């Protein structure tokens, strides 16, 4: 992969292109990108922006990946007008987007290099109105192989006081990556 420069980091699109692996070096794109970016100033913000560009609709909530390791992710979303509803709290759809991003990033980081995934179902329970910066936490199973299997990926969303505002479960299918010829 090309070397990251300050100029590359100023543009998330250039950073994404620089990090995008070629077909013969696919590996785990999420894990490799996080390892390369998280330790440098502004790197977590660039990583979060790349995640938003990869899934453009999810990118609309402006979430920030704070922690990422095998089986664990912590993602935050600031409370701002663009994610609020008519009741002056964070919209249910913004919360479900945060839950999906948190669970997806955790499972993607944790997968073997030859695996891929898709969310086949998602359930969410809204516990209370969400206000302030919302933090998504995921402690997910760690797939040991790319053999086709279904995983339940739990996510909890917390308000700044540490109270749960929503709980979600992603039904995620993991299987082997298609081979390119």
N, C-alpha and C. Protein backbone atom coordinates (compact mmCIF):
# COMPACT_ATOMS: atom_id res chain seq x y z
N UNK A 1 0.84 -1.18 0.00
CA UNK A 1 0.00 0.00 0.00
C UNK A 1 0.88 1.24 0.00
N UNK A 2 0.40 2.32 -0.62
CA UNK A 2 1.20 3.54 -0.68
C UNK A 2 1.41 4.16 0.69
N UNK A 3 2.44 4.98 0.80
CA UNK A 3 2.73 5.66 2.06
C UNK A 3 1.74 6.80 2.26
N UNK A 4 1.29 6.96 3.52
CA UNK A 4 0.37 8.04 3.85
C UNK A 4 1.18 9.33 4.07
N UNK A 5 0.71 10.42 3.48
CA UNK A 5 1.35 11.72 3.68
C UNK A 5 0.31 12.67 4.26
N UNK A 6 0.75 13.79 4.76
CA UNK A 6 -0.17 14.78 5.32
C UNK A 6 -1.14 15.26 4.25
N UNK A 7 -0.66 15.42 3.03
CA UNK A 7 -1.52 15.84 1.92
C UNK A 7 -2.62 14.81 1.67
N UNK A 8 -2.26 13.53 1.72
CA UNK A 8 -3.24 12.47 1.51
C UNK A 8 -4.30 12.51 2.60
N UNK A 9 -3.88 12.75 3.85
CA UNK A 9 -4.81 12.76 4.98
C UNK A 9 -5.78 13.93 4.93
N UNK A 10 -5.42 15.00 4.25
CA UNK A 10 -6.32 16.16 4.17
C UNK A 10 -7.56 15.86 3.35
N UNK A 11 -7.50 14.88 2.50
CA UNK A 11 -8.64 14.49 1.67
C UNK A 11 -9.04 13.05 2.00
N UNK A 12 -10.20 12.85 2.63
CA UNK A 12 -10.62 11.49 2.92
C UNK A 12 -10.75 10.62 1.68
N UNK A 13 -11.13 11.21 0.56
CA UNK A 13 -11.23 10.42 -0.68
C UNK A 13 -9.85 9.93 -1.12
N UNK A 14 -8.83 10.82 -1.04
CA UNK A 14 -7.47 10.40 -1.38
C UNK A 14 -6.95 9.37 -0.40
N UNK A 15 -7.28 9.55 0.89
CA UNK A 15 -6.86 8.59 1.90
C UNK A 15 -7.50 7.24 1.63
N UNK A 16 -8.77 7.23 1.27
CA UNK A 16 -9.46 5.97 0.98
C UNK A 16 -8.82 5.29 -0.22
N UNK A 17 -8.51 6.07 -1.26
CA UNK A 17 -7.87 5.50 -2.44
C UNK A 17 -6.48 4.96 -2.12
N UNK A 18 -5.74 5.67 -1.28
CA UNK A 18 -4.39 5.23 -0.90
C UNK A 18 -4.44 3.96 -0.07
N UNK A 19 -5.50 3.81 0.72
CA UNK A 19 -5.61 2.63 1.58
C UNK A 19 -6.25 1.44 0.89
N UNK A 20 -6.99 1.68 -0.19
CA UNK A 20 -7.72 0.60 -0.85
C UNK A 20 -6.74 -0.43 -1.40
N UNK A 21 -6.90 -1.68 -0.97
CA UNK A 21 -5.97 -2.72 -1.40
C UNK A 21 -6.24 -3.14 -2.84
N UNK A 22 -5.22 -3.70 -3.47
CA UNK A 22 -5.40 -4.28 -4.79
C UNK A 22 -5.96 -5.68 -4.60
N UNK A 23 -6.42 -6.31 -5.67
CA UNK A 23 -7.06 -7.63 -5.57
C UNK A 23 -6.15 -8.67 -4.93
N UNK A 24 -4.83 -8.58 -5.17
CA UNK A 24 -3.93 -9.59 -4.61
C UNK A 24 -3.53 -9.31 -3.16
N UNK A 25 -3.97 -8.19 -2.59
CA UNK A 25 -3.61 -7.88 -1.21
C UNK A 25 -4.84 -7.46 -0.39
N UNK A 26 -5.99 -8.07 -0.71
CA UNK A 26 -7.24 -7.67 -0.07
C UNK A 26 -7.15 -7.65 1.44
N UNK A 27 -6.83 -8.76 2.07
CA UNK A 27 -6.72 -8.80 3.53
C UNK A 27 -7.96 -8.24 4.20
N UNK A 28 -7.81 -7.72 5.39
CA UNK A 28 -8.91 -7.10 6.13
C UNK A 28 -8.72 -5.59 6.04
N UNK A 29 -9.46 -4.97 5.11
CA UNK A 29 -9.32 -3.54 4.84
C UNK A 29 -9.59 -2.69 6.07
N UNK A 30 -10.62 -3.02 6.84
CA UNK A 30 -10.97 -2.25 8.03
C UNK A 30 -9.83 -2.32 9.05
N UNK A 31 -9.36 -3.53 9.32
CA UNK A 31 -8.29 -3.69 10.33
C UNK A 31 -7.00 -3.00 9.90
N UNK A 32 -6.61 -3.17 8.65
CA UNK A 32 -5.38 -2.55 8.16
C UNK A 32 -5.48 -1.03 8.15
N UNK A 33 -6.63 -0.50 7.74
CA UNK A 33 -6.82 0.95 7.71
C UNK A 33 -6.77 1.53 9.12
N UNK A 34 -7.45 0.87 10.07
CA UNK A 34 -7.44 1.35 11.46
C UNK A 34 -6.02 1.33 12.02
N UNK A 35 -5.30 0.26 11.78
CA UNK A 35 -3.93 0.15 12.30
C UNK A 35 -3.04 1.24 11.72
N UNK A 36 -3.24 1.59 10.47
CA UNK A 36 -2.41 2.61 9.84
C UNK A 36 -2.78 4.02 10.28
N UNK A 37 -4.07 4.25 10.54
CA UNK A 37 -4.53 5.62 10.78
C UNK A 37 -4.71 5.99 12.26
N UNK A 38 -5.10 5.06 13.10
CA UNK A 38 -5.52 5.41 14.46
C UNK A 38 -4.41 6.00 15.32
N UNK A 39 -3.18 5.71 15.01
CA UNK A 39 -2.08 6.20 15.83
C UNK A 39 -1.51 7.55 15.41
N UNK A 40 -2.00 8.12 14.33
CA UNK A 40 -1.46 9.40 13.88
C UNK A 40 -2.46 10.51 14.17
N UNK A 41 -2.00 11.74 14.36
CA UNK A 41 -2.91 12.85 14.65
C UNK A 41 -3.97 13.00 13.55
N UNK A 42 -5.23 13.02 13.95
CA UNK A 42 -6.34 13.16 13.01
C UNK A 42 -6.68 11.87 12.29
N UNK A 43 -5.96 10.82 12.55
CA UNK A 43 -6.16 9.56 11.83
C UNK A 43 -7.50 8.90 12.11
N UNK A 44 -7.97 8.99 13.35
CA UNK A 44 -9.27 8.40 13.68
C UNK A 44 -10.40 9.14 12.94
N UNK A 45 -10.25 10.44 12.82
CA UNK A 45 -11.25 11.24 12.09
C UNK A 45 -11.24 10.86 10.61
N UNK A 46 -10.06 10.67 10.05
CA UNK A 46 -9.96 10.27 8.64
C UNK A 46 -10.57 8.88 8.46
N UNK A 47 -10.25 7.95 9.37
CA UNK A 47 -10.81 6.60 9.30
C UNK A 47 -12.34 6.67 9.35
N UNK A 48 -12.87 7.48 10.26
CA UNK A 48 -14.32 7.61 10.40
C UNK A 48 -14.94 8.18 9.14
N UNK A 49 -14.27 9.13 8.54
CA UNK A 49 -14.76 9.73 7.29
C UNK A 49 -14.74 8.71 6.16
N UNK A 50 -13.69 7.89 6.11
CA UNK A 50 -13.60 6.83 5.09
C UNK A 50 -14.75 5.85 5.27
N UNK A 51 -15.02 5.48 6.52
CA UNK A 51 -16.15 4.58 6.80
C UNK A 51 -17.45 5.20 6.30
N UNK A 52 -17.61 6.50 6.49
CA UNK A 52 -18.79 7.20 6.01
C UNK A 52 -18.87 7.27 4.50
N UNK A 53 -17.74 7.36 3.84
CA UNK A 53 -17.73 7.37 2.37
C UNK A 53 -18.00 5.98 1.81
N UNK A 54 -17.58 4.95 2.53
CA UNK A 54 -17.80 3.57 2.10
C UNK A 54 -19.28 3.24 2.13
N UNK A 55 -19.97 3.72 3.16
CA UNK A 55 -21.43 3.54 3.29
C UNK A 55 -22.03 4.94 3.39
N UNK A 56 -22.27 5.59 2.24
CA UNK A 56 -22.65 7.01 2.24
C UNK A 56 -23.84 7.37 3.12
N UNK A 57 -24.88 6.56 3.17
CA UNK A 57 -26.03 6.91 4.00
C UNK A 57 -25.63 6.94 5.46
N UNK A 58 -24.86 5.96 5.88
CA UNK A 58 -24.38 5.92 7.27
C UNK A 58 -23.49 7.13 7.55
N UNK A 59 -22.77 7.60 6.56
CA UNK A 59 -21.89 8.75 6.72
C UNK A 59 -22.63 10.03 7.06
N UNK A 60 -23.93 10.08 6.82
CA UNK A 60 -24.69 11.31 7.08
C UNK A 60 -24.80 11.64 8.57
N UNK A 61 -24.57 10.68 9.46
CA UNK A 61 -24.70 10.96 10.89
C UNK A 61 -23.41 11.54 11.48
N UNK A 62 -22.33 11.53 10.71
CA UNK A 62 -21.07 12.12 11.17
C UNK A 62 -20.47 11.45 12.39
N UNK A 63 -20.60 10.13 12.47
CA UNK A 63 -20.09 9.39 13.63
C UNK A 63 -18.56 9.34 13.63
N UNK A 64 -18.00 9.16 14.82
CA UNK A 64 -16.56 9.12 15.02
C UNK A 64 -16.17 7.78 15.67
N UNK A 65 -15.34 6.99 15.01
CA UNK A 65 -14.86 5.75 15.60
C UNK A 65 -13.77 6.12 16.61
N UNK A 66 -13.98 5.72 17.87
CA UNK A 66 -13.09 6.10 18.96
C UNK A 66 -12.16 4.96 19.35
N UNK A 67 -12.70 3.74 19.42
CA UNK A 67 -11.93 2.55 19.77
C UNK A 67 -12.32 1.42 18.83
N UNK A 68 -11.32 0.61 18.47
CA UNK A 68 -11.59 -0.52 17.60
C UNK A 68 -10.54 -1.59 17.82
N UNK A 69 -10.99 -2.77 18.18
CA UNK A 69 -10.10 -3.92 18.34
C UNK A 69 -10.94 -5.17 18.11
N UNK A 70 -10.29 -6.32 18.10
CA UNK A 70 -11.04 -7.57 17.84
C UNK A 70 -12.16 -7.72 18.87
N UNK A 71 -13.39 -7.82 18.37
CA UNK A 71 -14.55 -8.04 19.22
C UNK A 71 -15.06 -6.81 19.93
N UNK A 72 -14.55 -5.62 19.61
CA UNK A 72 -14.95 -4.42 20.35
C UNK A 72 -14.90 -3.18 19.46
N UNK A 73 -15.93 -2.34 19.60
CA UNK A 73 -15.94 -1.04 18.93
C UNK A 73 -16.65 -0.03 19.81
N UNK A 74 -16.15 1.20 19.77
CA UNK A 74 -16.79 2.33 20.44
C UNK A 74 -16.87 3.46 19.43
N UNK A 75 -18.09 3.93 19.18
CA UNK A 75 -18.34 4.95 18.16
C UNK A 75 -19.23 6.03 18.78
N UNK A 76 -18.92 7.29 18.52
CA UNK A 76 -19.74 8.38 19.06
C UNK A 76 -20.41 9.17 17.94
N UNK A 77 -21.52 9.79 18.31
CA UNK A 77 -22.25 10.65 17.38
C UNK A 77 -22.68 11.89 18.16
N UNK A 78 -22.26 13.05 17.69
CA UNK A 78 -22.64 14.31 18.34
C UNK A 78 -24.11 14.61 18.08
N UNK A 79 -24.75 15.16 19.09
CA UNK A 79 -26.14 15.60 18.99
C UNK A 79 -26.12 16.96 18.30
N UNK A 80 -26.70 17.03 17.12
CA UNK A 80 -26.78 18.28 16.38
C UNK A 80 -28.08 18.31 15.59
N UNK A 81 -28.41 19.43 15.08
CA UNK A 81 -29.71 19.62 14.41
C UNK A 81 -29.97 18.58 13.32
N UNK A 82 -28.98 18.21 12.55
CA UNK A 82 -29.20 17.31 11.42
C UNK A 82 -29.56 15.88 11.83
N UNK A 83 -29.38 15.52 13.11
CA UNK A 83 -29.75 14.17 13.55
C UNK A 83 -30.94 14.21 14.53
N UNK A 84 -31.57 15.38 14.67
CA UNK A 84 -32.68 15.52 15.62
C UNK A 84 -34.04 15.35 14.93
N UNK A 85 -35.04 15.09 15.75
CA UNK A 85 -36.41 14.98 15.26
C UNK A 85 -37.24 16.16 15.77
N UNK A 86 -38.54 16.10 15.55
CA UNK A 86 -39.44 17.19 15.96
C UNK A 86 -39.63 17.26 17.48
N UNK A 87 -39.19 16.24 18.22
CA UNK A 87 -39.31 16.23 19.68
C UNK A 87 -38.03 16.74 20.35
N UNK A 88 -37.11 17.28 19.52
CA UNK A 88 -35.86 17.86 20.01
C UNK A 88 -34.95 16.83 20.69
N UNK A 89 -34.96 15.60 20.16
CA UNK A 89 -34.02 14.58 20.62
C UNK A 89 -33.47 13.87 19.38
N UNK A 90 -32.48 13.02 19.57
CA UNK A 90 -31.85 12.34 18.43
C UNK A 90 -32.88 11.41 17.79
N UNK A 91 -32.98 11.50 16.48
CA UNK A 91 -33.96 10.74 15.70
C UNK A 91 -33.68 9.24 15.78
N UNK A 92 -34.74 8.46 15.76
CA UNK A 92 -34.63 7.00 15.82
C UNK A 92 -33.77 6.45 14.68
N UNK A 93 -33.88 7.02 13.50
CA UNK A 93 -33.11 6.52 12.36
C UNK A 93 -31.62 6.83 12.53
N UNK A 94 -31.30 7.97 13.12
CA UNK A 94 -29.89 8.27 13.41
C UNK A 94 -29.34 7.27 14.42
N UNK A 95 -30.15 6.90 15.40
CA UNK A 95 -29.71 5.91 16.40
C UNK A 95 -29.50 4.53 15.76
N UNK A 96 -30.40 4.12 14.88
CA UNK A 96 -30.23 2.83 14.23
C UNK A 96 -29.01 2.84 13.31
N UNK A 97 -28.74 3.99 12.68
CA UNK A 97 -27.53 4.12 11.86
C UNK A 97 -26.28 3.97 12.73
N UNK A 98 -26.28 4.60 13.89
CA UNK A 98 -25.14 4.50 14.80
C UNK A 98 -24.96 3.06 15.27
N UNK A 99 -26.05 2.40 15.60
CA UNK A 99 -25.97 1.00 16.05
C UNK A 99 -25.41 0.11 14.93
N UNK A 100 -25.90 0.31 13.71
CA UNK A 100 -25.42 -0.51 12.60
C UNK A 100 -23.93 -0.25 12.33
N UNK A 101 -23.53 1.01 12.31
CA UNK A 101 -22.12 1.33 12.09
C UNK A 101 -21.24 0.71 13.17
N UNK A 102 -21.66 0.84 14.42
CA UNK A 102 -20.86 0.32 15.54
C UNK A 102 -20.70 -1.20 15.43
N UNK A 103 -21.80 -1.90 15.18
CA UNK A 103 -21.74 -3.36 15.05
C UNK A 103 -20.97 -3.79 13.82
N UNK A 104 -21.20 -3.12 12.69
CA UNK A 104 -20.51 -3.49 11.45
C UNK A 104 -19.01 -3.29 11.54
N UNK A 105 -18.59 -2.20 12.13
CA UNK A 105 -17.16 -1.91 12.21
C UNK A 105 -16.47 -2.90 13.15
N UNK A 106 -17.18 -3.29 14.22
CA UNK A 106 -16.62 -4.27 15.17
C UNK A 106 -16.46 -5.64 14.50
N UNK A 107 -17.49 -6.09 13.81
CA UNK A 107 -17.43 -7.42 13.19
C UNK A 107 -16.46 -7.42 12.00
N UNK A 108 -16.44 -6.34 11.23
CA UNK A 108 -15.53 -6.26 10.08
C UNK A 108 -14.08 -6.30 10.53
N UNK A 109 -13.77 -5.60 11.61
CA UNK A 109 -12.41 -5.60 12.14
C UNK A 109 -12.02 -7.00 12.62
N UNK A 110 -12.98 -7.74 13.14
CA UNK A 110 -12.73 -9.02 13.80
C UNK A 110 -12.68 -10.21 12.85
N UNK A 111 -13.15 -10.04 11.63
CA UNK A 111 -13.25 -11.17 10.69
C UNK A 111 -11.89 -11.62 10.17
N UNK A 112 -11.81 -12.88 9.74
CA UNK A 112 -10.61 -13.34 9.04
C UNK A 112 -10.44 -12.57 7.72
N UNK A 113 -9.24 -12.58 7.21
CA UNK A 113 -8.94 -11.81 5.99
C UNK A 113 -9.70 -12.29 4.76
N UNK A 114 -10.11 -13.54 4.74
CA UNK A 114 -10.78 -14.08 3.55
C UNK A 114 -12.30 -14.10 3.69
N UNK A 115 -12.84 -13.29 4.60
CA UNK A 115 -14.28 -13.29 4.87
C UNK A 115 -14.93 -11.99 4.40
N UNK A 116 -16.24 -12.07 4.24
CA UNK A 116 -17.06 -10.89 3.97
C UNK A 116 -18.35 -11.05 4.77
N UNK A 117 -19.10 -9.95 4.91
CA UNK A 117 -20.33 -10.02 5.71
C UNK A 117 -21.44 -9.18 5.11
N UNK A 118 -22.64 -9.47 5.55
CA UNK A 118 -23.80 -8.65 5.22
C UNK A 118 -24.77 -8.73 6.40
N UNK A 119 -25.41 -7.61 6.70
CA UNK A 119 -26.42 -7.60 7.75
C UNK A 119 -27.71 -8.13 7.13
N UNK A 120 -28.25 -9.21 7.72
CA UNK A 120 -29.46 -9.84 7.21
C UNK A 120 -30.69 -9.45 8.03
N UNK A 121 -30.47 -8.77 9.12
CA UNK A 121 -31.58 -8.34 9.95
C UNK A 121 -31.07 -7.44 11.06
N UNK A 122 -31.95 -6.60 11.57
CA UNK A 122 -31.56 -5.70 12.63
C UNK A 122 -32.79 -5.41 13.47
N UNK A 123 -32.63 -5.56 14.78
CA UNK A 123 -33.72 -5.19 15.67
C UNK A 123 -33.18 -4.16 16.66
N UNK A 124 -34.05 -3.23 17.05
CA UNK A 124 -33.62 -2.19 17.98
C UNK A 124 -34.76 -1.88 18.93
N UNK A 125 -34.40 -1.63 20.17
CA UNK A 125 -35.37 -1.21 21.18
C UNK A 125 -34.93 0.15 21.69
N UNK A 126 -35.83 1.11 21.58
CA UNK A 126 -35.56 2.45 22.06
C UNK A 126 -36.02 2.53 23.52
N UNK A 127 -35.09 2.79 24.42
CA UNK A 127 -35.36 2.76 25.85
C UNK A 127 -35.80 4.12 26.37
N UNK A 128 -35.14 5.18 25.91
CA UNK A 128 -35.50 6.53 26.34
C UNK A 128 -35.04 7.54 25.30
N UNK A 129 -35.55 8.76 25.41
CA UNK A 129 -35.15 9.80 24.46
C UNK A 129 -33.64 9.99 24.53
N UNK A 130 -33.04 10.16 23.38
CA UNK A 130 -31.59 10.31 23.28
C UNK A 130 -31.24 11.77 23.09
N UNK A 131 -30.44 12.29 24.00
CA UNK A 131 -29.97 13.68 23.91
C UNK A 131 -28.50 13.72 24.27
N UNK A 132 -27.79 14.65 23.67
CA UNK A 132 -26.35 14.77 23.91
C UNK A 132 -25.58 13.81 23.02
N UNK A 133 -24.27 13.79 23.18
CA UNK A 133 -23.44 12.88 22.39
C UNK A 133 -23.79 11.44 22.76
N UNK A 134 -24.11 10.65 21.75
CA UNK A 134 -24.50 9.25 21.96
C UNK A 134 -23.29 8.36 21.64
N UNK A 135 -23.04 7.40 22.52
CA UNK A 135 -21.92 6.48 22.35
C UNK A 135 -22.44 5.08 22.09
N UNK A 136 -21.99 4.49 21.00
CA UNK A 136 -22.33 3.10 20.68
C UNK A 136 -21.20 2.19 21.12
N UNK A 137 -21.55 1.13 21.84
CA UNK A 137 -20.57 0.13 22.28
C UNK A 137 -20.99 -1.22 21.76
N UNK A 138 -20.02 -1.96 21.23
CA UNK A 138 -20.28 -3.30 20.73
C UNK A 138 -19.21 -4.24 21.24
N UNK A 139 -19.64 -5.33 21.83
CA UNK A 139 -18.76 -6.45 22.19
C UNK A 139 -19.31 -7.62 21.39
N UNK A 140 -18.64 -7.96 20.31
CA UNK A 140 -19.20 -8.95 19.38
C UNK A 140 -18.39 -10.24 19.38
N UNK A 141 -19.01 -11.30 18.84
CA UNK A 141 -18.26 -12.55 18.69
C UNK A 141 -17.13 -12.36 17.68
N UNK A 142 -16.09 -13.16 17.81
CA UNK A 142 -14.96 -13.08 16.89
C UNK A 142 -14.98 -14.32 16.00
N UNK A 143 -15.34 -14.15 14.73
CA UNK A 143 -15.37 -15.29 13.82
C UNK A 143 -13.95 -15.85 13.61
N UNK A 144 -13.82 -17.14 13.78
CA UNK A 144 -12.50 -17.76 13.64
C UNK A 144 -12.22 -18.22 12.21
N UNK A 145 -13.27 -18.33 11.39
CA UNK A 145 -13.07 -18.75 10.00
C UNK A 145 -14.06 -18.01 9.12
N UNK A 146 -13.87 -18.13 7.82
CA UNK A 146 -14.79 -17.49 6.88
C UNK A 146 -15.90 -18.45 6.47
N UNK A 147 -16.00 -19.57 7.15
CA UNK A 147 -17.07 -20.52 6.87
C UNK A 147 -18.41 -19.82 7.07
N UNK A 148 -19.36 -20.10 6.20
CA UNK A 148 -20.66 -19.44 6.25
C UNK A 148 -21.31 -19.68 7.61
N UNK A 149 -21.67 -18.59 8.30
CA UNK A 149 -22.31 -18.68 9.61
C UNK A 149 -23.05 -17.39 9.91
N UNK A 150 -24.00 -17.48 10.81
CA UNK A 150 -24.77 -16.32 11.24
C UNK A 150 -24.30 -15.93 12.65
N UNK A 151 -24.11 -14.63 12.85
CA UNK A 151 -23.67 -14.11 14.15
C UNK A 151 -24.65 -13.04 14.62
N UNK A 152 -24.94 -13.05 15.90
CA UNK A 152 -25.73 -11.98 16.50
C UNK A 152 -24.76 -10.98 17.10
N UNK A 153 -24.85 -9.74 16.66
CA UNK A 153 -23.93 -8.69 17.06
C UNK A 153 -24.70 -7.68 17.91
N UNK A 154 -24.45 -7.66 19.23
CA UNK A 154 -25.18 -6.75 20.12
C UNK A 154 -24.53 -5.37 20.19
N UNK A 155 -25.36 -4.34 20.23
CA UNK A 155 -24.87 -2.96 20.35
C UNK A 155 -25.73 -2.24 21.39
N UNK A 156 -25.08 -1.48 22.25
CA UNK A 156 -25.78 -0.65 23.22
C UNK A 156 -25.43 0.81 22.94
N UNK A 157 -26.44 1.68 23.04
CA UNK A 157 -26.24 3.11 22.83
C UNK A 157 -26.48 3.83 24.15
N UNK A 158 -25.54 4.69 24.51
CA UNK A 158 -25.56 5.39 25.81
C UNK A 158 -25.60 6.90 25.61
N UNK A 159 -26.26 7.59 26.54
CA UNK A 159 -26.23 9.05 26.56
C UNK A 159 -25.03 9.51 27.39
N UNK A 160 -24.77 10.81 27.49
CA UNK A 160 -23.60 11.29 28.24
C UNK A 160 -23.62 10.92 29.73
N UNK A 161 -24.79 10.62 30.28
CA UNK A 161 -24.88 10.22 31.69
C UNK A 161 -24.62 8.73 31.89
N UNK A 162 -24.37 8.01 30.79
CA UNK A 162 -24.12 6.57 30.89
C UNK A 162 -25.39 5.74 30.90
N UNK A 163 -26.54 6.36 30.64
CA UNK A 163 -27.81 5.63 30.60
C UNK A 163 -28.02 5.04 29.21
N UNK A 164 -28.55 3.83 29.16
CA UNK A 164 -28.84 3.20 27.87
C UNK A 164 -30.05 3.89 27.25
N UNK A 165 -29.90 4.33 26.00
CA UNK A 165 -31.02 4.94 25.28
C UNK A 165 -31.60 3.97 24.26
N UNK A 166 -30.80 2.98 23.83
CA UNK A 166 -31.29 1.98 22.88
C UNK A 166 -30.36 0.77 22.90
N UNK A 167 -30.95 -0.38 22.59
CA UNK A 167 -30.16 -1.61 22.41
C UNK A 167 -30.53 -2.19 21.06
N UNK A 168 -29.56 -2.71 20.38
CA UNK A 168 -29.79 -3.27 19.04
C UNK A 168 -29.07 -4.60 18.90
N UNK A 169 -29.58 -5.41 17.99
CA UNK A 169 -28.92 -6.66 17.63
C UNK A 169 -28.92 -6.77 16.12
N UNK A 170 -27.72 -6.93 15.56
CA UNK A 170 -27.57 -7.12 14.13
C UNK A 170 -27.43 -8.61 13.86
N UNK A 171 -28.24 -9.14 12.95
CA UNK A 171 -28.09 -10.52 12.51
C UNK A 171 -27.18 -10.46 11.28
N UNK A 172 -25.96 -10.92 11.46
CA UNK A 172 -24.92 -10.75 10.45
C UNK A 172 -24.51 -12.09 9.86
N UNK A 173 -24.51 -12.18 8.54
CA UNK A 173 -24.06 -13.38 7.86
C UNK A 173 -22.63 -13.18 7.41
N UNK A 174 -21.77 -14.12 7.77
CA UNK A 174 -20.37 -14.07 7.36
C UNK A 174 -20.10 -15.29 6.49
N UNK A 175 -19.35 -15.07 5.45
CA UNK A 175 -19.00 -16.17 4.55
C UNK A 175 -17.70 -15.86 3.84
N UNK A 176 -17.23 -16.81 3.02
CA UNK A 176 -15.97 -16.58 2.30
C UNK A 176 -16.13 -15.52 1.22
N UNK A 177 -15.08 -14.76 1.03
CA UNK A 177 -15.05 -13.74 -0.01
C UNK A 177 -15.04 -14.44 -1.37
N UNK A 178 -15.74 -13.88 -2.32
CA UNK A 178 -15.72 -14.45 -3.67
C UNK A 178 -14.34 -14.31 -4.25
N UNK A 179 -13.95 -15.31 -4.95
CA UNK A 179 -12.60 -15.27 -5.57
C UNK A 179 -12.67 -14.49 -6.87
N UNK A 180 -11.64 -13.68 -7.10
CA UNK A 180 -11.53 -12.93 -8.35
C UNK A 180 -10.59 -13.69 -9.27
N UNK A 181 -10.95 -13.77 -10.51
CA UNK A 181 -10.09 -14.49 -11.45
C UNK A 181 -9.45 -13.58 -12.44
